[in-house]
C-alpha cells in the first residue's frame, strides 16, 4: 500500500514528475519517472499525490505520502515527487525566508513617542509647531534628516546646512537623554519573536535612527546579540522611505553568511506604509505591523499583524519557523 490517498483515486494512467536540487551543482534536475535520475545520497522523498479531477473536499488535492516510501506511478493522478536533502543546513538555505530584516522604532521598541517629543521640542525652538497627529501622519518612515527637511519645506522655510546640523544635533541629544532615562520598552511579543527566530534565520535591523540610539535601546531590551547586521541612518546616502537601506542590509547579510541573497529571499518587518510601498517595488516581501498605523493603512504588505506575538505571526505567516 503506497498511501491512504491512493485508495481514493480511480485507476487510470498517470505520470510522475520528480525534481531535486543538486547541492553540488546548485541546479534543478527533473525527470518524468523517478527511475530516470539517480537518487542523491542523503536525500529523502516527499511525494504529493495530486488528483486534478476532484477538489480536496472530495478526496482530491494533495497529501504527503508516508516518509520513506518509494514514489511510483499511481492511479488517476499526477504525482509530484521532491527529493529534499536530509541536511538541516541545506534545507534551511532553500526555505523562504532566507533572512528577516526588521525596522526598529515602532517594530522592536516603543520609541516613537521619544522621537515625537524630540522632534516637537526642537521644531518649537525653530518656531515651527508640530502636533502628535502630524508627526504620526507625516514623519514616520523618514530618518531625522528627511523629517526636518519635510517640516521646513512644509512651513516654507529654507533649511540652511548649518541649521540642519544644529537641529539634528539637538534632536539626537534629546533622544539620548530620554534613552538614558529608560523612556522606552520592547513592544508586545518582541522578545519571544526575536529569540524564537534568531536560531533559524539571519536577523538584521534597518532603521532611520542613529546607530548609537539603536545600539543603546537594543542593549536595554537585551536583544543586541540577536542581530548580526545593523544599518542605521548614517550608513546610507538616501534615507527611508527609499529602499536603499534595506538593499544594503541584504547585501551585508549575504557577504557575512557567504551566500547569494536577493530581495525576494527576504522578509521585511515594517510599520510605515511609505516604506512598505517602496520596498515592495524592489522585490521584498513585507510583514506589516499595525503598531503605528491601523491595518488598513498597511494594505500593500504581504502580511499584516497587530503585534509580533509569535502565535499571531505563525497564524498569519505560516512559513516562519520559531524555536520554542
Protein backbone atom coordinates (compact mmCIF):
# COMPACT_ATOMS: atom_id res chain seq x y z
CA UNK A 1 0.00 0.00 0.00
CA UNK A 2 1.53 3.28 -1.10
CA UNK A 3 -0.61 5.75 0.81
CA UNK A 4 -4.07 6.17 2.26
CA UNK A 5 -4.88 8.62 -0.52
CA UNK A 6 -4.14 6.06 -3.26
CA UNK A 7 -7.29 4.11 -2.48
CA UNK A 8 -9.42 7.21 -3.11
CA UNK A 9 -8.17 7.75 -6.67
CA UNK A 10 -9.67 5.71 -9.57
CA UNK A 11 -7.33 3.55 -11.67
CA UNK A 12 -6.10 5.35 -14.78
CA UNK A 13 -2.90 6.39 -16.46
CA UNK A 14 -0.81 8.95 -14.65
CA UNK A 15 2.67 10.42 -14.71
CA UNK A 16 5.41 11.13 -12.24
CA UNK A 17 7.40 14.35 -12.10
CA UNK A 18 10.48 14.12 -9.92
CA UNK A 19 12.69 17.06 -9.09
CA UNK A 20 15.51 17.84 -6.73
CA UNK A 21 18.15 20.49 -6.41
CA UNK A 22 21.69 19.22 -6.76
CA UNK A 23 23.60 20.69 -3.76
CA UNK A 24 26.92 20.36 -5.58
CA UNK A 25 25.91 21.93 -8.88
CA UNK A 26 23.23 24.22 -7.42
CA UNK A 27 20.77 23.41 -10.21
CA UNK A 28 17.46 21.62 -10.55
CA UNK A 29 17.29 18.14 -12.10
CA UNK A 30 13.97 16.74 -13.24
CA UNK A 31 12.64 13.60 -14.91
CA UNK A 32 9.34 12.11 -15.96
CA UNK A 33 9.92 8.99 -13.91
CA UNK A 34 11.74 8.58 -10.63
CA UNK A 35 13.92 5.85 -12.15
CA UNK A 36 15.29 8.32 -14.72
CA UNK A 37 17.56 10.02 -12.21
CA UNK A 38 19.83 8.65 -9.55
CA UNK A 39 18.61 9.47 -6.08
CA UNK A 40 21.25 11.67 -4.37
CA UNK A 41 22.85 10.28 -1.24
CA UNK A 42 21.38 11.80 1.89
CA UNK A 43 18.10 12.84 0.24
CA UNK A 44 14.67 11.77 1.38
CA UNK A 45 11.50 11.51 -0.69
CA UNK A 46 8.34 13.55 -0.20
CA UNK A 47 5.56 12.72 -2.67
CA UNK A 48 2.49 14.82 -3.45
CA UNK A 49 -0.39 12.85 -4.98
CA UNK A 50 -2.45 15.36 -6.95
CA UNK A 51 -5.93 14.39 -8.15
CA UNK A 52 -6.74 17.17 -10.60
CA UNK A 53 -10.25 15.85 -11.25
CA UNK A 54 -11.57 16.43 -7.73
CA UNK A 55 -11.23 19.23 -5.16
CA UNK A 56 -9.68 18.42 -1.75
CA UNK A 57 -13.13 18.23 -0.16
CA UNK A 58 -13.96 15.32 -2.48
CA UNK A 59 -10.78 13.41 -1.80
CA UNK A 60 -8.56 15.16 -4.34
CA UNK A 61 -5.93 17.79 -3.73
CA UNK A 62 -2.54 16.96 -2.28
CA UNK A 63 -1.16 14.94 0.60
CA UNK A 64 2.28 13.75 1.69
CA UNK A 65 2.97 10.06 1.40
CA UNK A 66 4.43 8.41 4.49
CA UNK A 67 8.11 9.14 4.85
CA UNK A 68 10.47 6.63 3.24
CA UNK A 69 8.04 5.25 0.62
CA UNK A 70 9.18 4.95 -2.98
CA UNK A 71 7.39 7.17 -5.48
CA UNK A 72 5.65 5.09 -8.19
CA UNK A 73 3.09 5.60 -10.89
CA UNK A 74 -0.26 5.85 -9.22
CA UNK A 75 -3.83 5.65 -10.45
CA UNK A 76 -5.75 8.61 -11.83
CA UNK A 77 -3.45 11.34 -10.58
CA UNK A 78 -0.41 13.41 -11.27
CA UNK A 79 2.36 12.77 -8.81
CA UNK A 80 4.88 15.40 -7.80
CA UNK A 81 7.91 13.92 -6.09
CA UNK A 82 10.52 16.17 -4.46
CA UNK A 83 13.79 14.86 -3.07
CA UNK A 84 14.99 17.01 -0.20
CA UNK A 85 18.43 16.83 1.34
CA UNK A 86 18.40 15.41 4.84
CA UNK A 87 20.89 18.07 5.93
CA UNK A 88 19.23 20.77 8.01
CA UNK A 89 21.73 23.30 6.71
CA UNK A 90 20.89 22.64 3.06
CA UNK A 91 17.13 22.65 3.66
CA UNK A 92 17.37 25.93 5.55
CA UNK A 93 19.22 27.51 2.61
CA UNK A 94 16.30 26.64 0.30
CA UNK A 95 13.44 27.69 2.53
CA UNK A 96 11.79 31.09 2.43
CA UNK A 97 12.53 33.42 4.04
CA UNK A 98 16.30 33.08 3.93
CA UNK A 99 16.69 36.15 6.16
CA UNK A 100 14.50 38.52 8.17
CA UNK A 101 15.06 42.28 8.19
CA UNK A 102 13.47 44.34 10.97
CA UNK A 103 12.68 48.01 11.18
CA UNK A 104 13.44 49.31 14.66
CA UNK A 105 11.33 52.17 16.04
CA UNK A 106 7.71 51.06 16.29
CA UNK A 107 8.62 47.45 15.47
CA UNK A 108 11.21 46.34 18.04
CA UNK A 109 10.82 49.11 20.62
CA UNK A 110 8.06 51.51 21.62
CA UNK A 111 10.22 54.52 20.89
CA UNK A 112 8.14 56.66 18.53
CA UNK A 113 6.93 58.80 21.49
CA UNK A 114 10.60 59.63 22.19
CA UNK A 115 11.19 60.71 18.62
CA UNK A 116 7.95 62.72 18.53
CA UNK A 117 8.83 64.58 21.71
CA UNK A 118 12.36 65.30 20.48
CA UNK A 119 11.14 66.47 17.07
CA UNK A 120 8.43 68.63 18.72
CA UNK A 121 10.86 70.29 21.13
CA UNK A 122 13.50 71.05 18.51
CA UNK A 123 10.91 72.27 15.99
CA UNK A 124 9.50 74.59 18.66
CA UNK A 125 12.96 76.11 19.12
CA UNK A 126 12.85 76.90 15.39
CA UNK A 127 9.36 78.46 15.74
CA UNK A 128 7.67 75.51 14.00
CA UNK A 129 4.71 73.79 15.62
CA UNK A 130 4.50 70.01 15.31
CA UNK A 131 1.43 68.16 16.59
CA UNK A 132 1.36 64.49 17.52
CA UNK A 133 -1.15 63.74 14.78
CA UNK A 134 1.07 65.49 12.23
CA UNK A 135 4.10 63.51 13.37
CA UNK A 136 2.41 60.13 13.06
CA UNK A 137 0.69 61.04 9.81
CA UNK A 138 3.67 62.57 8.00
CA UNK A 139 7.03 61.90 9.64
CA UNK A 140 7.08 58.20 10.46
CA UNK A 141 9.20 56.48 7.81
CA UNK A 142 11.61 59.42 7.48
CA UNK A 143 15.03 59.49 9.07
CA UNK A 144 15.85 62.62 11.12
CA UNK A 145 17.35 64.44 8.14
CA UNK A 146 14.34 63.75 5.94
CA UNK A 147 11.93 64.63 8.75
CA UNK A 148 13.38 68.09 9.30
CA UNK A 149 13.59 68.75 5.57
CA UNK A 150 9.90 67.87 5.28
CA UNK A 151 8.95 70.12 8.20
CA UNK A 152 10.89 73.14 6.98
CA UNK A 153 9.61 72.77 3.41
CA UNK A 154 6.03 72.40 4.62
CA UNK A 155 6.30 75.69 6.52
CA UNK A 156 8.01 77.49 3.66
CA UNK A 157 11.32 77.73 5.46
CA UNK A 158 14.77 77.42 3.90
CA UNK A 159 16.85 74.80 5.70
CA UNK A 160 20.44 76.00 5.63
CA UNK A 161 23.18 73.35 6.13
CA UNK A 162 24.24 74.90 9.46
CA UNK A 163 20.61 74.91 10.62
CA UNK A 164 20.18 71.28 9.62
CA UNK A 165 23.31 70.35 11.57
CA UNK A 166 22.02 72.23 14.63
CA UNK A 167 18.57 70.64 14.66
CA UNK A 168 19.99 67.15 14.06
CA UNK A 169 22.39 67.59 16.97
CA UNK A 170 19.69 68.92 19.29
CA UNK A 171 17.31 66.13 18.35
CA UNK A 172 19.98 63.48 18.95
CA UNK A 173 20.80 64.96 22.36
CA UNK A 174 17.13 64.99 23.34
CA UNK A 175 16.62 61.34 22.33
CA UNK A 176 19.83 60.28 24.09
CA UNK A 177 18.60 61.87 27.32
CA UNK A 178 15.28 60.01 27.14
CA UNK A 179 17.08 56.73 26.39
CA UNK A 180 19.22 57.24 29.49
CA UNK A 181 16.00 57.80 31.46
CA UNK A 182 14.65 54.49 30.05
CA UNK A 183 11.63 56.12 28.43
CA UNK A 184 11.19 53.20 26.04
CA UNK A 185 10.33 49.50 26.16
CA UNK A 186 10.18 46.47 23.90
CA UNK A 187 6.85 46.14 22.13
CA UNK A 188 4.50 43.22 22.98
CA UNK A 189 5.76 39.85 21.78
CA UNK A 190 9.09 41.20 20.52
CA UNK A 191 11.42 39.31 22.84
CA UNK A 192 9.66 35.98 22.22
CA UNK A 193 9.54 36.69 18.47
CA UNK A 194 13.20 37.64 18.06
CA UNK A 195 14.50 34.91 20.37
CA UNK A 196 12.27 32.40 18.59
CA UNK A 197 13.58 33.32 15.13
CA UNK A 198 17.27 34.09 15.55
CA UNK A 199 18.48 30.47 15.64
CA UNK A 200 16.67 29.70 12.37
CA UNK A 201 17.39 32.85 10.37
CA UNK A 202 19.97 35.58 9.96
CA UNK A 203 18.37 38.67 11.53
CA UNK A 204 19.19 42.29 10.76
CA UNK A 205 17.93 45.77 11.56
CA UNK A 206 17.47 48.57 9.03
CA UNK A 207 16.43 51.83 10.63
CA UNK A 208 16.27 55.55 10.03
CA UNK A 209 17.51 56.08 13.59
CA UNK A 210 21.11 56.77 14.53
CA UNK A 211 23.33 53.78 15.30
CA UNK A 212 24.05 54.85 18.89
CA UNK A 213 20.29 55.09 19.56
CA UNK A 214 19.65 51.64 18.11
CA UNK A 215 22.57 50.04 19.95
CA UNK A 216 21.63 51.63 23.29
CA UNK A 217 17.98 50.56 23.13
CA UNK A 218 18.82 47.05 21.90
CA UNK A 219 21.13 46.65 24.88
CA UNK A 220 18.36 48.00 27.09
CA UNK A 221 15.89 45.32 25.97
CA UNK A 222 18.59 42.59 25.94
CA UNK A 223 18.35 41.76 22.23
CA UNK A 224 21.62 43.11 20.83
CA UNK A 225 23.12 39.62 20.41
CA UNK A 226 20.35 38.54 18.04
CA UNK A 227 21.16 40.91 15.18
CA UNK A 228 24.29 40.31 13.11
CA UNK A 229 23.83 43.38 10.90
CA UNK A 230 22.56 46.87 11.73
CA UNK A 231 22.12 49.51 9.04
CA UNK A 232 21.45 52.96 10.51
CA UNK A 233 20.76 56.45 9.18
CA UNK A 234 24.42 57.30 8.79
CA UNK A 235 25.08 54.21 6.63
CA UNK A 236 23.04 55.37 3.61
CA UNK A 237 23.07 58.36 1.29
CA UNK A 238 19.28 58.34 0.90
CA UNK A 239 17.17 57.57 3.95
CA UNK A 240 13.81 55.89 4.32
CA UNK A 241 11.32 55.57 2.76
CA UNK A 242 13.84 54.94 -0.04
CA UNK A 243 14.72 51.19 -0.14
CA UNK A 244 18.48 51.84 -0.23
CA UNK A 245 18.89 50.86 3.43
CA UNK A 246 17.14 47.50 3.06
CA UNK A 247 19.08 46.72 -0.13
CA UNK A 248 22.32 47.46 1.72
CA UNK A 249 21.21 45.29 4.63
CA UNK A 250 20.56 42.39 2.24
CA UNK A 251 24.00 42.82 0.67
CA UNK A 252 25.76 42.89 4.06
CA UNK A 253 23.93 39.76 5.28
CA UNK A 254 24.87 37.93 2.06
CA UNK A 255 28.54 38.86 2.49
CA UNK A 256 28.53 37.90 6.14
CA UNK A 257 26.96 34.47 5.53
CA UNK A 258 28.76 33.75 2.26
CA UNK A 259 25.69 33.14 0.12
CA UNK A 260 23.61 34.84 -2.54
CA UNK A 261 20.69 36.81 -1.15
CA UNK A 262 18.15 38.73 -3.20
CA UNK A 263 15.24 40.92 -2.04
CA UNK A 264 12.78 38.13 -2.91
CA UNK A 265 14.62 35.83 -0.47
CA UNK A 266 13.97 38.14 2.48
CA UNK A 267 11.08 39.11 4.71
CA UNK A 268 10.95 42.71 5.95
CA UNK A 269 9.05 43.58 9.12
CA UNK A 270 7.88 47.22 8.96
CA UNK A 271 5.30 49.60 10.41
CA UNK A 272 5.48 52.54 7.96
CA UNK A 273 3.19 52.47 4.88
CA UNK A 274 5.55 54.60 2.76
CA UNK A 275 8.45 52.24 3.43
CA UNK A 276 6.31 49.16 2.79
CA UNK A 277 5.32 50.60 -0.59
CA UNK A 278 8.91 51.41 -1.62
CA UNK A 279 10.46 48.06 -0.66
CA UNK A 280 7.68 46.06 -2.32
CA UNK A 281 8.58 47.79 -5.60
CA UNK A 282 12.12 46.37 -5.49
CA UNK A 283 11.04 42.80 -4.76
CA UNK A 284 10.89 42.40 -0.98
CA UNK A 285 8.03 40.70 0.80
CA UNK A 286 6.76 42.53 3.86
CA UNK A 287 5.04 41.72 7.11
CA UNK A 288 3.35 44.93 8.26
CA UNK A 289 2.92 45.53 12.00
CA UNK A 290 -0.04 47.71 12.99
CA UNK A 291 1.70 49.45 15.89
CA UNK A 292 1.84 52.97 14.44
CA UNK A 293 -0.90 52.77 11.80
CA UNK A 294 -4.19 50.82 11.56
CA UNK A 295 -4.11 47.61 9.49
CA UNK A 296 -5.94 49.17 6.54
CA UNK A 297 -3.04 51.60 6.08
CA UNK A 298 -0.69 48.63 5.61
CA UNK A 299 -2.60 47.15 2.69
CA UNK A 300 0.47 46.94 0.44
CA UNK A 301 2.18 44.50 2.83
CA UNK A 302 2.04 40.78 2.01
CA UNK A 303 1.06 40.01 5.60
CA UNK A 304 -0.33 42.19 8.40
CA UNK A 305 -0.27 41.53 12.15
CA UNK A 306 -1.28 43.61 15.15
CA UNK A 307 1.86 42.67 17.09
CA UNK A 308 4.90 40.39 16.96
CA UNK A 309 3.40 37.87 19.36
CA UNK A 310 4.60 34.54 17.85
CA UNK A 311 1.16 32.89 17.91
CA UNK A 312 -0.29 35.59 15.67
CA UNK A 313 2.75 35.59 13.39
CA UNK A 314 2.52 31.82 12.90
CA UNK A 315 -1.14 32.10 12.02
CA UNK A 316 -0.67 34.93 9.52
CA UNK A 317 2.68 33.81 8.05
CA UNK A 318 2.94 30.01 8.49
CA UNK A 319 6.27 29.90 6.62
CA UNK A 320 8.02 31.28 9.69
CA UNK A 321 9.78 28.73 11.88
CA UNK A 322 10.20 29.53 15.56
CA UNK A 323 12.40 27.83 18.12
CA UNK A 324 10.29 27.18 21.19
